[in-house]
Amino acid sequence: MLKLYYGCIYPPKTPYEPPTTPAKTGISQIWSKLAGPVIMLGPAGLWLLLLLVFPTLVIFQLSLVENIRPGDVVIPDGLGNYLRVFEPINLRVIARSVNFAIGTTVFCLLLGFPVAYWIAVMAPPKSRNLLLLGFVLPLWTSSLLRSYAWITILRPTGVLNSFLGLLGLPTLALLNSSPAVLIGMTYSYLPYMVTVLYASLEKLDRRLLEASADLGAKPPETFWKITVPQARTGIIAGSLLVFISSLGDFVDPELLGGASSMTVSRLIYNQFLGATQNWGFGSALSMVLIFGVSIAIALLIRYGDGRPSK
């Protein structure tokens, strides 16, 4: 129907319809959703698949073969290697490794919390990054060099005993002992604890600290009721990170502990490259260690998000 406006005839307006696009098929819809993740995660996923998943599967296969040596045919025949893990002598080695990891975690927390708190709260803001950088500088050197440095300090004629002799104090036989292992491991993993705690403590709500002081709370009470709850996730994350790293440490127990400080990592090394050459039992120990570390990593992901608790 035509309409007349000011002497002109216009046709009726039709509603605007956007151009239609052909409907995507099921395969194209799936590919459009997966293309981005595949392109972004594909290289890293392939890397992890080749260097983590496949080697772990090979170790698991070897763990099912008893008394296998280099060159033998791999024929899985049971769980005998895993039953050997629960022998008393091997359980003592596992317990010693766990004790070293727990001791290292406790010492790193006790030494690292005051440092991280001072850098995050009390140090001048302009110098915090520089102070934190200076504290993590030892990580720029090899862990092997750091262990050799502690050998120089702790040996009978080392720096520590020479200093004690100058003061007229008795010397200490620390090298090749469990205390030497704890000292070396604490020194190695203390920067990790400090950096994680610093990331949590710098987010402290200072208003709560000021309110606590205004209400008459003493510093210890403020620390336990205000500071620690807010830094709880950082404490958990730092503790689990140090525990996971120290549980599989090989260098410090090997160089500082001597024969009396056998750990799981050293026992695994002996099964693969030592005189025993029992790859099956070494693989079973490796799978047990991987399982324990996986549990700790799951706890770290669950509770160590790094956000302060309210």
C-alpha atoms as a PDB file:
ATOM      1  CA  MET A   1       0.000   0.000   0.000  1.00  0.00           C
ATOM      2  CA  LEU A   2       1.440   3.367  -1.052  1.00  0.00           C
ATOM      3  CA  LYS A   3       1.373   6.416   1.202  1.00  0.00           C
ATOM      4  CA  LEU A   4       1.288  10.079   0.122  1.00  0.00           C
ATOM      5  CA  TYR A   5       3.578  12.522   2.015  1.00  0.00           C
ATOM      6  CA  TYR A   6       3.768  16.173   0.892  1.00  0.00           C
ATOM      7  CA  GLY A   7       2.842  15.262  -2.639  1.00  0.00           C
ATOM      8  CA  CYS A   8       5.302  12.355  -2.886  1.00  0.00           C
ATOM      9  CA  ILE A   9       4.494   8.699  -2.929  1.00  0.00           C
ATOM     10  CA  TYR A  10       6.613   6.365  -0.783  1.00  0.00           C
ATOM     11  CA  PRO A  11       6.428   2.628  -0.631  1.00  0.00           C
ATOM     12  CA  PRO A  12       5.764   1.070   2.790  1.00  0.00           C
ATOM     13  CA  LYS A  13       8.804   0.427   4.994  1.00  0.00           C
ATOM     14  CA  THR A  14       9.842  -3.119   5.636  1.00  0.00           C
ATOM     15  CA  PRO A  15      11.572  -4.170   8.874  1.00  0.00           C
ATOM     16  CA  TYR A  16      15.378  -4.535   8.699  1.00  0.00           C
ATOM     17  CA  GLU A  17      16.614  -8.077   8.624  1.00  0.00           C
ATOM     18  CA  PRO A  18      20.351  -8.727   9.217  1.00  0.00           C
ATOM     19  CA  PRO A  19      22.139 -10.870   6.684  1.00  0.00           C
ATOM     20  CA  THR A  20      21.993 -14.507   7.542  1.00  0.00           C
ATOM     21  CA  THR A  21      25.118 -16.615   7.901  1.00  0.00           C
ATOM     22  CA  PRO A  22      25.183 -20.294   7.160  1.00  0.00           C
ATOM     23  CA  ALA A  23      24.681 -22.445  10.226  1.00  0.00           C
ATOM     24  CA  LYS A  24      27.825 -24.147  11.503  1.00  0.00           C
ATOM     25  CA  THR A  25      27.960 -27.887  11.530  1.00  0.00           C
ATOM     26  CA  GLY A  26      28.650 -29.867  14.694  1.00  0.00           C
ATOM     27  CA  ILE A  27      32.334 -30.422  13.856  1.00  0.00           C
ATOM     28  CA  SER A  28      32.946 -26.762  13.057  1.00  0.00           C
ATOM     29  CA  GLN A  29      31.260 -25.687  16.303  1.00  0.00           C
ATOM     30  CA  ILE A  30      33.463 -28.033  18.319  1.00  0.00           C
ATOM     31  CA  TRP A  31      36.595 -26.856  16.518  1.00  0.00           C
ATOM     32  CA  SER A  32      35.720 -23.169  17.016  1.00  0.00           C
ATOM     33  CA  LYS A  33      35.525 -23.800  20.782  1.00  0.00           C
ATOM     34  CA  LEU A  34      38.705 -25.885  20.996  1.00  0.00           C
ATOM     35  CA  ALA A  35      40.919 -24.057  18.514  1.00  0.00           C
ATOM     36  CA  GLY A  36      42.011 -21.361  20.945  1.00  0.00           C
ATOM     37  CA  PRO A  37      42.872 -23.652  23.867  1.00  0.00           C
ATOM     38  CA  VAL A  38      44.633 -26.132  21.575  1.00  0.00           C
ATOM     39  CA  ILE A  39      46.789 -23.457  19.981  1.00  0.00           C
ATOM     40  CA  MET A  40      47.652 -21.819  23.305  1.00  0.00           C
ATOM     41  CA  LEU A  41      48.155 -24.949  25.416  1.00  0.00           C
ATOM     42  CA  GLY A  42      49.332 -27.364  22.746  1.00  0.00           C
ATOM     43  CA  PRO A  43      53.111 -26.694  22.894  1.00  0.00           C
ATOM     44  CA  ALA A  44      53.261 -26.788  26.693  1.00  0.00           C
ATOM     45  CA  GLY A  45      50.989 -29.828  26.799  1.00  0.00           C
ATOM     46  CA  LEU A  46      53.177 -31.679  24.310  1.00  0.00           C
ATOM     47  CA  TRP A  47      56.256 -30.769  26.338  1.00  0.00           C
ATOM     48  CA  LEU A  48      54.689 -32.085  29.556  1.00  0.00           C
ATOM     49  CA  LEU A  49      53.468 -35.196  27.771  1.00  0.00           C
ATOM     50  CA  LEU A  50      56.916 -36.095  26.442  1.00  0.00           C
ATOM     51  CA  LEU A  51      58.986 -35.153  29.494  1.00  0.00           C
ATOM     52  CA  LEU A  52      56.613 -35.859  32.404  1.00  0.00           C
ATOM     53  CA  VAL A  53      53.719 -38.176  31.574  1.00  0.00           C
ATOM     54  CA  PHE A  54      55.560 -40.721  29.404  1.00  0.00           C
ATOM     55  CA  PRO A  55      58.594 -41.014  31.747  1.00  0.00           C
ATOM     56  CA  THR A  56      56.243 -41.451  34.714  1.00  0.00           C
ATOM     57  CA  LEU A  57      54.420 -44.246  32.892  1.00  0.00           C
ATOM     58  CA  VAL A  58      57.757 -45.912  32.112  1.00  0.00           C
ATOM     59  CA  ILE A  59      58.785 -45.694  35.773  1.00  0.00           C
ATOM     60  CA  PHE A  60      55.429 -47.173  36.806  1.00  0.00           C
ATOM     61  CA  GLN A  61      55.926 -50.061  34.370  1.00  0.00           C
ATOM     62  CA  LEU A  62      59.423 -50.737  35.705  1.00  0.00           C
ATOM     63  CA  SER A  63      58.099 -50.650  39.271  1.00  0.00           C
ATOM     64  CA  LEU A  64      56.018 -53.736  38.505  1.00  0.00           C
ATOM     65  CA  VAL A  65      59.082 -55.823  37.591  1.00  0.00           C
ATOM     66  CA  GLU A  66      61.199 -57.344  40.359  1.00  0.00           C
ATOM     67  CA  ASN A  67      65.015 -57.391  40.213  1.00  0.00           C
ATOM     68  CA  ILE A  68      65.171 -55.822  36.764  1.00  0.00           C
ATOM     69  CA  ARG A  69      68.566 -54.585  35.561  1.00  0.00           C
ATOM     70  CA  PRO A  70      69.688 -52.568  32.528  1.00  0.00           C
ATOM     71  CA  GLY A  71      69.070 -54.551  29.357  1.00  0.00           C
ATOM     72  CA  ASP A  72      66.497 -56.961  30.833  1.00  0.00           C
ATOM     73  CA  VAL A  73      63.126 -57.500  29.194  1.00  0.00           C
ATOM     74  CA  VAL A  74      60.362 -55.558  30.903  1.00  0.00           C
ATOM     75  CA  ILE A  75      57.606 -57.991  31.869  1.00  0.00           C
ATOM     76  CA  PRO A  76      55.389 -56.679  34.707  1.00  0.00           C
ATOM     77  CA  ASP A  77      54.755 -59.489  37.175  1.00  0.00           C
ATOM     78  CA  GLY A  78      53.349 -58.013  40.401  1.00  0.00           C
ATOM     79  CA  LEU A  79      53.602 -55.626  43.314  1.00  0.00           C
ATOM     80  CA  GLY A  80      56.630 -57.174  45.004  1.00  0.00           C
ATOM     81  CA  ASN A  81      58.661 -53.968  44.741  1.00  0.00           C
ATOM     82  CA  TYR A  82      55.932 -51.983  46.494  1.00  0.00           C
ATOM     83  CA  LEU A  83      55.810 -54.554  49.281  1.00  0.00           C
ATOM     84  CA  ARG A  84      59.555 -54.051  49.786  1.00  0.00           C
ATOM     85  CA  VAL A  85      58.917 -50.350  50.373  1.00  0.00           C
ATOM     86  CA  PHE A  86      57.161 -51.260  53.627  1.00  0.00           C
ATOM     87  CA  GLU A  87      60.103 -53.207  55.025  1.00  0.00           C
ATOM     88  CA  PRO A  88      61.344 -51.719  58.330  1.00  0.00           C
ATOM     89  CA  ILE A  89      64.698 -50.544  56.965  1.00  0.00           C
ATOM     90  CA  ASN A  90      63.040 -48.723  54.054  1.00  0.00           C
ATOM     91  CA  LEU A  91      60.346 -47.245  56.280  1.00  0.00           C
ATOM     92  CA  ARG A  92      63.101 -45.778  58.465  1.00  0.00           C
ATOM     93  CA  VAL A  93      64.619 -44.130  55.387  1.00  0.00           C
ATOM     94  CA  ILE A  94      61.240 -42.694  54.385  1.00  0.00           C
ATOM     95  CA  ALA A  95      60.621 -41.472  57.936  1.00  0.00           C
ATOM     96  CA  ARG A  96      64.045 -39.800  57.997  1.00  0.00           C
ATOM     97  CA  SER A  97      63.258 -37.997  54.724  1.00  0.00           C
ATOM     98  CA  VAL A  98      59.911 -36.809  56.070  1.00  0.00           C
ATOM     99  CA  ASN A  99      61.567 -35.656  59.305  1.00  0.00           C
ATOM    100  CA  PHE A 100      64.153 -33.680  57.349  1.00  0.00           C
ATOM    101  CA  ALA A 101      61.392 -32.091  55.265  1.00  0.00           C
ATOM    102  CA  ILE A 102      59.304 -31.209  58.332  1.00  0.00           C
ATOM    103  CA  GLY A 103      62.324 -29.856  60.226  1.00  0.00           C
ATOM    104  CA  THR A 104      63.374 -27.762  57.238  1.00  0.00           C
ATOM    105  CA  THR A 105      59.844 -26.397  56.903  1.00  0.00           C
ATOM    106  CA  VAL A 106      59.631 -25.466  60.597  1.00  0.00           C
ATOM    107  CA  PHE A 107      63.033 -23.744  60.640  1.00  0.00           C
ATOM    108  CA  CYS A 108      62.300 -21.874  57.396  1.00  0.00           C
ATOM    109  CA  LEU A 109      58.979 -20.668  58.818  1.00  0.00           C
ATOM    110  CA  LEU A 110      60.488 -19.556  62.130  1.00  0.00           C
ATOM    111  CA  LEU A 111      63.382 -17.747  60.424  1.00  0.00           C
ATOM    112  CA  GLY A 112      61.531 -16.487  57.378  1.00  0.00           C
ATOM    113  CA  PHE A 113      58.419 -14.987  58.953  1.00  0.00           C
ATOM    114  CA  PRO A 114      60.229 -12.196  60.868  1.00  0.00           C
ATOM    115  CA  VAL A 115      62.272 -11.335  57.772  1.00  0.00           C
ATOM    116  CA  ALA A 116      59.238 -11.261  55.478  1.00  0.00           C
ATOM    117  CA  TYR A 117      57.247  -9.243  58.043  1.00  0.00           C
ATOM    118  CA  TRP A 118      60.005  -6.682  58.429  1.00  0.00           C
ATOM    119  CA  ILE A 119      60.433  -6.264  54.670  1.00  0.00           C
ATOM    120  CA  ALA A 120      56.673  -6.086  53.977  1.00  0.00           C
ATOM    121  CA  VAL A 121      55.551  -3.930  56.924  1.00  0.00           C
ATOM    122  CA  MET A 122      58.429  -2.137  58.613  1.00  0.00           C
ATOM    123  CA  ALA A 123      61.004  -1.472  55.865  1.00  0.00           C
ATOM    124  CA  PRO A 124      60.801   1.751  53.826  1.00  0.00           C
ATOM    125  CA  PRO A 125      58.593   1.207  50.760  1.00  0.00           C
ATOM    126  CA  LYS A 126      61.280   2.387  48.329  1.00  0.00           C
ATOM    127  CA  SER A 127      63.783  -0.217  49.506  1.00  0.00           C
ATOM    128  CA  ARG A 128      61.502  -3.255  49.829  1.00  0.00           C
ATOM    129  CA  ASN A 129      62.138  -4.620  46.352  1.00  0.00           C
ATOM    130  CA  LEU A 130      65.883  -4.146  46.781  1.00  0.00           C
ATOM    131  CA  LEU A 131      65.860  -5.905  50.147  1.00  0.00           C
ATOM    132  CA  LEU A 132      63.834  -8.775  48.753  1.00  0.00           C
ATOM    133  CA  LEU A 133      66.178  -9.068  45.789  1.00  0.00           C
ATOM    134  CA  GLY A 134      69.192  -9.175  48.095  1.00  0.00           C
ATOM    135  CA  PHE A 135      67.626 -11.909  50.166  1.00  0.00           C
ATOM    136  CA  VAL A 136      66.970 -14.176  47.162  1.00  0.00           C
ATOM    137  CA  LEU A 137      70.380 -13.621  45.573  1.00  0.00           C
ATOM    138  CA  PRO A 138      71.684 -17.028  46.811  1.00  0.00           C
ATOM    139  CA  LEU A 139      69.182 -18.679  44.468  1.00  0.00           C
ATOM    140  CA  TRP A 140      71.229 -17.335  41.573  1.00  0.00           C
ATOM    141  CA  THR A 141      74.016 -19.756  42.420  1.00  0.00           C
ATOM    142  CA  SER A 142      74.005 -23.517  42.059  1.00  0.00           C
ATOM    143  CA  SER A 143      72.735 -25.611  44.958  1.00  0.00           C
ATOM    144  CA  LEU A 144      75.911 -27.683  44.612  1.00  0.00           C
ATOM    145  CA  LEU A 145      78.073 -24.615  45.225  1.00  0.00           C
ATOM    146  CA  ARG A 146      76.003 -23.663  48.257  1.00  0.00           C
ATOM    147  CA  SER A 147      76.451 -27.144  49.733  1.00  0.00           C
ATOM    148  CA  TYR A 148      80.206 -27.009  49.176  1.00  0.00           C
ATOM    149  CA  ALA A 149      80.256 -23.636  50.904  1.00  0.00           C
ATOM    150  CA  TRP A 150      78.626 -25.199  53.959  1.00  0.00           C
ATOM    151  CA  ILE A 151      81.213 -27.990  53.869  1.00  0.00           C
ATOM    152  CA  THR A 152      83.889 -25.318  54.114  1.00  0.00           C
ATOM    153  CA  ILE A 153      82.094 -23.775  57.078  1.00  0.00           C
ATOM    154  CA  LEU A 154      81.160 -26.941  59.007  1.00  0.00           C
ATOM    155  CA  ARG A 155      84.163 -29.228  58.512  1.00  0.00           C
ATOM    156  CA  PRO A 156      86.457 -29.861  61.544  1.00  0.00           C
ATOM    157  CA  THR A 157      89.010 -27.314  60.308  1.00  0.00           C
ATOM    158  CA  GLY A 158      86.417 -25.012  58.802  1.00  0.00           C
ATOM    159  CA  VAL A 159      85.380 -21.444  59.427  1.00  0.00           C
ATOM    160  CA  LEU A 160      82.988 -22.213  62.280  1.00  0.00           C
ATOM    161  CA  ASN A 161      85.394 -24.295  64.361  1.00  0.00           C
ATOM    162  CA  SER A 162      88.240 -21.855  63.711  1.00  0.00           C
ATOM    163  CA  PHE A 163      86.068 -19.044  65.048  1.00  0.00           C
ATOM    164  CA  LEU A 164      85.064 -21.108  68.091  1.00  0.00           C
ATOM    165  CA  GLY A 165      88.747 -21.887  68.738  1.00  0.00           C
ATOM    166  CA  LEU A 166      89.577 -18.177  68.756  1.00  0.00           C
ATOM    167  CA  LEU A 167      86.891 -17.656  71.400  1.00  0.00           C
ATOM    168  CA  GLY A 168      88.207 -20.541  73.492  1.00  0.00           C
ATOM    169  CA  LEU A 169      85.063 -22.611  72.970  1.00  0.00           C
ATOM    170  CA  PRO A 170      84.969 -26.331  72.153  1.00  0.00           C
ATOM    171  CA  THR A 171      84.701 -27.254  68.484  1.00  0.00           C
ATOM    172  CA  LEU A 172      81.615 -28.884  66.989  1.00  0.00           C
ATOM    173  CA  ALA A 173      81.490 -32.020  64.842  1.00  0.00           C
ATOM    174  CA  LEU A 174      78.602 -30.996  62.599  1.00  0.00           C
ATOM    175  CA  LEU A 175      79.670 -32.227  59.168  1.00  0.00           C
ATOM    176  CA  ASN A 176      78.287 -35.634  58.099  1.00  0.00           C
ATOM    177  CA  SER A 177      75.436 -35.429  60.579  1.00  0.00           C
ATOM    178  CA  SER A 178      71.704 -34.727  60.595  1.00  0.00           C
ATOM    179  CA  PRO A 179      72.098 -31.154  61.965  1.00  0.00           C
ATOM    180  CA  ALA A 180      74.359 -30.352  59.014  1.00  0.00           C
ATOM    181  CA  VAL A 181      71.662 -31.578  56.617  1.00  0.00           C
ATOM    182  CA  LEU A 182      69.036 -29.419  58.325  1.00  0.00           C
ATOM    183  CA  ILE A 183      71.337 -26.388  58.201  1.00  0.00           C
ATOM    184  CA  GLY A 184      72.052 -26.826  54.503  1.00  0.00           C
ATOM    185  CA  MET A 185      68.439 -27.494  53.556  1.00  0.00           C
ATOM    186  CA  THR A 186      67.145 -24.587  55.632  1.00  0.00           C
ATOM    187  CA  TYR A 187      69.605 -22.256  53.949  1.00  0.00           C
ATOM    188  CA  SER A 188      68.660 -23.589  50.502  1.00  0.00           C
ATOM    189  CA  TYR A 189      64.886 -23.192  50.882  1.00  0.00           C
ATOM    190  CA  LEU A 190      64.628 -20.161  53.154  1.00  0.00           C
ATOM    191  CA  PRO A 191      64.356 -17.702  50.214  1.00  0.00           C
ATOM    192  CA  TYR A 192      61.297 -19.570  48.918  1.00  0.00           C
ATOM    193  CA  MET A 193      59.578 -19.214  52.264  1.00  0.00           C
ATOM    194  CA  VAL A 194      60.442 -15.517  52.536  1.00  0.00           C
ATOM    195  CA  THR A 195      59.165 -14.645  49.056  1.00  0.00           C
ATOM    196  CA  VAL A 196      55.850 -16.459  49.552  1.00  0.00           C
ATOM    197  CA  LEU A 197      55.311 -14.936  52.996  1.00  0.00           C
ATOM    198  CA  TYR A 198      56.226 -11.480  51.698  1.00  0.00           C
ATOM    199  CA  ALA A 199      53.596 -11.755  48.949  1.00  0.00           C
ATOM    200  CA  SER A 200      50.999 -12.500  51.627  1.00  0.00           C
ATOM    201  CA  LEU A 201      52.159 -10.040  54.294  1.00  0.00           C
ATOM    202  CA  GLU A 202      52.315  -7.047  51.953  1.00  0.00           C
ATOM    203  CA  LYS A 203      48.533  -7.359  51.582  1.00  0.00           C
ATOM    204  CA  LEU A 204      47.897  -6.961  55.291  1.00  0.00           C
ATOM    205  CA  ASP A 205      45.074  -4.609  56.211  1.00  0.00           C
ATOM    206  CA  ARG A 206      46.992  -2.033  58.274  1.00  0.00           C
ATOM    207  CA  ARG A 207      43.743  -0.541  59.561  1.00  0.00           C
ATOM    208  CA  LEU A 208      43.114  -3.705  61.567  1.00  0.00           C
ATOM    209  CA  LEU A 209      46.559  -3.439  63.154  1.00  0.00           C
ATOM    210  CA  GLU A 210      45.903   0.193  64.079  1.00  0.00           C
ATOM    211  CA  ALA A 211      42.441  -0.637  65.420  1.00  0.00           C
ATOM    212  CA  SER A 212      43.873  -3.433  67.529  1.00  0.00           C
ATOM    213  CA  ALA A 213      46.457  -1.076  69.025  1.00  0.00           C
ATOM    214  CA  ASP A 214      43.810   1.608  69.674  1.00  0.00           C
ATOM    215  CA  LEU A 215      41.660  -0.925  71.512  1.00  0.00           C
ATOM    216  CA  GLY A 216      44.506  -1.743  73.868  1.00  0.00           C
ATOM    217  CA  ALA A 217      45.624  -5.106  72.498  1.00  0.00           C
ATOM    218  CA  LYS A 218      49.219  -6.057  73.259  1.00  0.00           C
ATOM    219  CA  PRO A 219      51.614  -6.779  70.351  1.00  0.00           C
ATOM    220  CA  PRO A 220      51.592 -10.596  70.868  1.00  0.00           C
ATOM    221  CA  GLU A 221      47.803 -10.595  70.927  1.00  0.00           C
ATOM    222  CA  THR A 222      47.672  -8.482  67.777  1.00  0.00           C
ATOM    223  CA  PHE A 223      50.138 -10.806  66.098  1.00  0.00           C
ATOM    224  CA  TRP A 224      48.207 -14.012  66.809  1.00  0.00           C
ATOM    225  CA  LYS A 225      44.695 -12.626  66.265  1.00  0.00           C
ATOM    226  CA  ILE A 226      45.252 -10.163  63.409  1.00  0.00           C
ATOM    227  CA  THR A 227      48.493 -10.836  61.557  1.00  0.00           C
ATOM    228  CA  VAL A 228      48.573 -14.630  61.516  1.00  0.00           C
ATOM    229  CA  PRO A 229      44.956 -15.110  60.325  1.00  0.00           C
ATOM    230  CA  GLN A 230      45.513 -12.685  57.457  1.00  0.00           C
ATOM    231  CA  ALA A 231      48.759 -14.409  56.466  1.00  0.00           C
ATOM    232  CA  ARG A 232      47.402 -17.925  56.909  1.00  0.00           C
ATOM    233  CA  THR A 233      47.280 -18.774  53.211  1.00  0.00           C
ATOM    234  CA  GLY A 234      50.836 -17.516  52.738  1.00  0.00           C
ATOM    235  CA  ILE A 235      52.027 -19.621  55.671  1.00  0.00           C
ATOM    236  CA  ILE A 236      50.352 -22.711  54.219  1.00  0.00           C
ATOM    237  CA  ALA A 237      51.667 -22.053  50.711  1.00  0.00           C
ATOM    238  CA  GLY A 238      55.226 -21.394  51.868  1.00  0.00           C
ATOM    239  CA  SER A 239      55.261 -24.409  54.188  1.00  0.00           C
ATOM    240  CA  LEU A 240      53.957 -26.785  51.524  1.00  0.00           C
ATOM    241  CA  LEU A 241      56.359 -25.399  48.926  1.00  0.00           C
ATOM    242  CA  VAL A 242      59.367 -25.913  51.207  1.00  0.00           C
ATOM    243  CA  PHE A 243      58.134 -29.347  52.295  1.00  0.00           C
ATOM    244  CA  ILE A 244      57.654 -30.526  48.696  1.00  0.00           C
ATOM    245  CA  SER A 245      61.072 -29.247  47.609  1.00  0.00           C
ATOM    246  CA  SER A 246      62.986 -30.575  50.608  1.00  0.00           C
ATOM    247  CA  LEU A 247      61.316 -34.000  50.562  1.00  0.00           C
ATOM    248  CA  GLY A 248      63.110 -34.891  47.343  1.00  0.00           C
ATOM    249  CA  ASP A 249      66.350 -33.030  48.002  1.00  0.00           C
ATOM    250  CA  PHE A 250      69.427 -35.033  47.013  1.00  0.00           C
ATOM    251  CA  VAL A 251      72.387 -32.662  47.095  1.00  0.00           C
ATOM    252  CA  ASP A 252      72.312 -31.509  50.731  1.00  0.00           C
ATOM    253  CA  PRO A 253      71.867 -34.973  52.334  1.00  0.00           C
ATOM    254  CA  GLU A 254      74.494 -36.446  50.021  1.00  0.00           C
ATOM    255  CA  LEU A 255      77.184 -33.833  50.678  1.00  0.00           C
ATOM    256  CA  LEU A 256      76.417 -32.812  54.257  1.00  0.00           C
ATOM    257  CA  GLY A 257      74.841 -35.886  55.805  1.00  0.00           C
ATOM    258  CA  GLY A 258      77.248 -38.738  55.215  1.00  0.00           C
ATOM    259  CA  ALA A 259      76.314 -42.416  55.300  1.00  0.00           C
ATOM    260  CA  SER A 260      74.154 -42.052  58.416  1.00  0.00           C
ATOM    261  CA  SER A 261      71.697 -39.654  56.714  1.00  0.00           C
ATOM    262  CA  MET A 262      70.247 -41.901  54.026  1.00  0.00           C
ATOM    263  CA  THR A 263      67.126 -40.404  52.442  1.00  0.00           C
ATOM    264  CA  VAL A 264      64.618 -41.574  49.844  1.00  0.00           C
ATOM    265  CA  SER A 265      66.306 -39.637  47.054  1.00  0.00           C
ATOM    266  CA  ARG A 266      69.705 -41.133  47.883  1.00  0.00           C
ATOM    267  CA  LEU A 267      68.188 -44.616  48.119  1.00  0.00           C
ATOM    268  CA  ILE A 268      66.590 -44.181  44.682  1.00  0.00           C
ATOM    269  CA  TYR A 269      69.943 -43.032  43.298  1.00  0.00           C
ATOM    270  CA  ASN A 270      71.634 -46.163  44.665  1.00  0.00           C
ATOM    271  CA  GLN A 271      69.025 -48.404  43.007  1.00  0.00           C
ATOM    272  CA  PHE A 272      69.614 -46.875  39.586  1.00  0.00           C
ATOM    273  CA  LEU A 273      73.283 -45.851  39.560  1.00  0.00           C
ATOM    274  CA  GLY A 274      74.744 -47.549  42.636  1.00  0.00           C
ATOM    275  CA  ALA A 275      76.113 -51.038  43.161  1.00  0.00           C
ATOM    276  CA  THR A 276      72.715 -52.722  43.623  1.00  0.00           C
ATOM    277  CA  GLN A 277      71.285 -51.801  40.166  1.00  0.00           C
ATOM    278  CA  ASN A 278      67.691 -52.740  41.016  1.00  0.00           C
ATOM    279  CA  TRP A 279      65.654 -50.532  38.737  1.00  0.00           C
ATOM    280  CA  GLY A 280      62.339 -52.095  39.736  1.00  0.00           C
ATOM    281  CA  PHE A 281      62.665 -51.268  43.418  1.00  0.00           C
ATOM    282  CA  GLY A 282      64.050 -47.826  42.597  1.00  0.00           C
ATOM    283  CA  SER A 283      61.040 -47.186  40.355  1.00  0.00           C
ATOM    284  CA  ALA A 284      58.663 -48.271  43.127  1.00  0.00           C
ATOM    285  CA  LEU A 285      60.337 -45.846  45.539  1.00  0.00           C
ATOM    286  CA  SER A 286      60.066 -43.140  42.882  1.00  0.00           C
ATOM    287  CA  MET A 287      56.343 -43.766  42.445  1.00  0.00           C
ATOM    288  CA  VAL A 288      55.799 -43.608  46.215  1.00  0.00           C
ATOM    289  CA  LEU A 289      57.684 -40.293  46.324  1.00  0.00           C
ATOM    290  CA  ILE A 290      55.689 -38.978  43.342  1.00  0.00           C
ATOM    291  CA  PHE A 291      52.450 -39.986  45.061  1.00  0.00           C
ATOM    292  CA  GLY A 292      53.432 -38.211  48.293  1.00  0.00           C
ATOM    293  CA  VAL A 293      54.493 -35.067  46.437  1.00  0.00           C
ATOM    294  CA  SER A 294      51.266 -35.110  44.416  1.00  0.00           C
ATOM    295  CA  ILE A 295      49.236 -35.087  47.631  1.00  0.00           C
ATOM    296  CA  ALA A 296      51.266 -32.123  48.902  1.00  0.00           C
ATOM    297  CA  ILE A 297      50.778 -30.291  45.585  1.00  0.00           C
ATOM    298  CA  ALA A 298      47.031 -30.898  45.759  1.00  0.00           C
ATOM    299  CA  LEU A 299      46.992 -29.379  49.238  1.00  0.00           C
ATOM    300  CA  LEU A 300      49.060 -26.445  47.955  1.00  0.00           C
ATOM    301  CA  ILE A 301      46.575 -25.791  45.149  1.00  0.00           C
ATOM    302  CA  ARG A 302      43.639 -26.125  47.529  1.00  0.00           C
ATOM    303  CA  TYR A 303      44.857 -24.025  50.448  1.00  0.00           C
ATOM    304  CA  GLY A 304      47.807 -21.980  49.182  1.00  0.00           C
ATOM    305  CA  ASP A 305      46.101 -19.446  46.944  1.00  0.00           C
ATOM    306  CA  GLY A 306      48.144 -16.617  48.455  1.00  0.00           C
ATOM    307  CA  ARG A 307      45.182 -14.400  49.418  1.00  0.00           C
ATOM    308  CA  PRO A 308      45.066 -13.216  52.992  1.00  0.00           C
ATOM    309  CA  SER A 309      42.221 -14.501  55.110  1.00  0.00           C
ATOM    310  CA  LYS A 310      39.674 -12.008  56.361  1.00  0.00           C
END
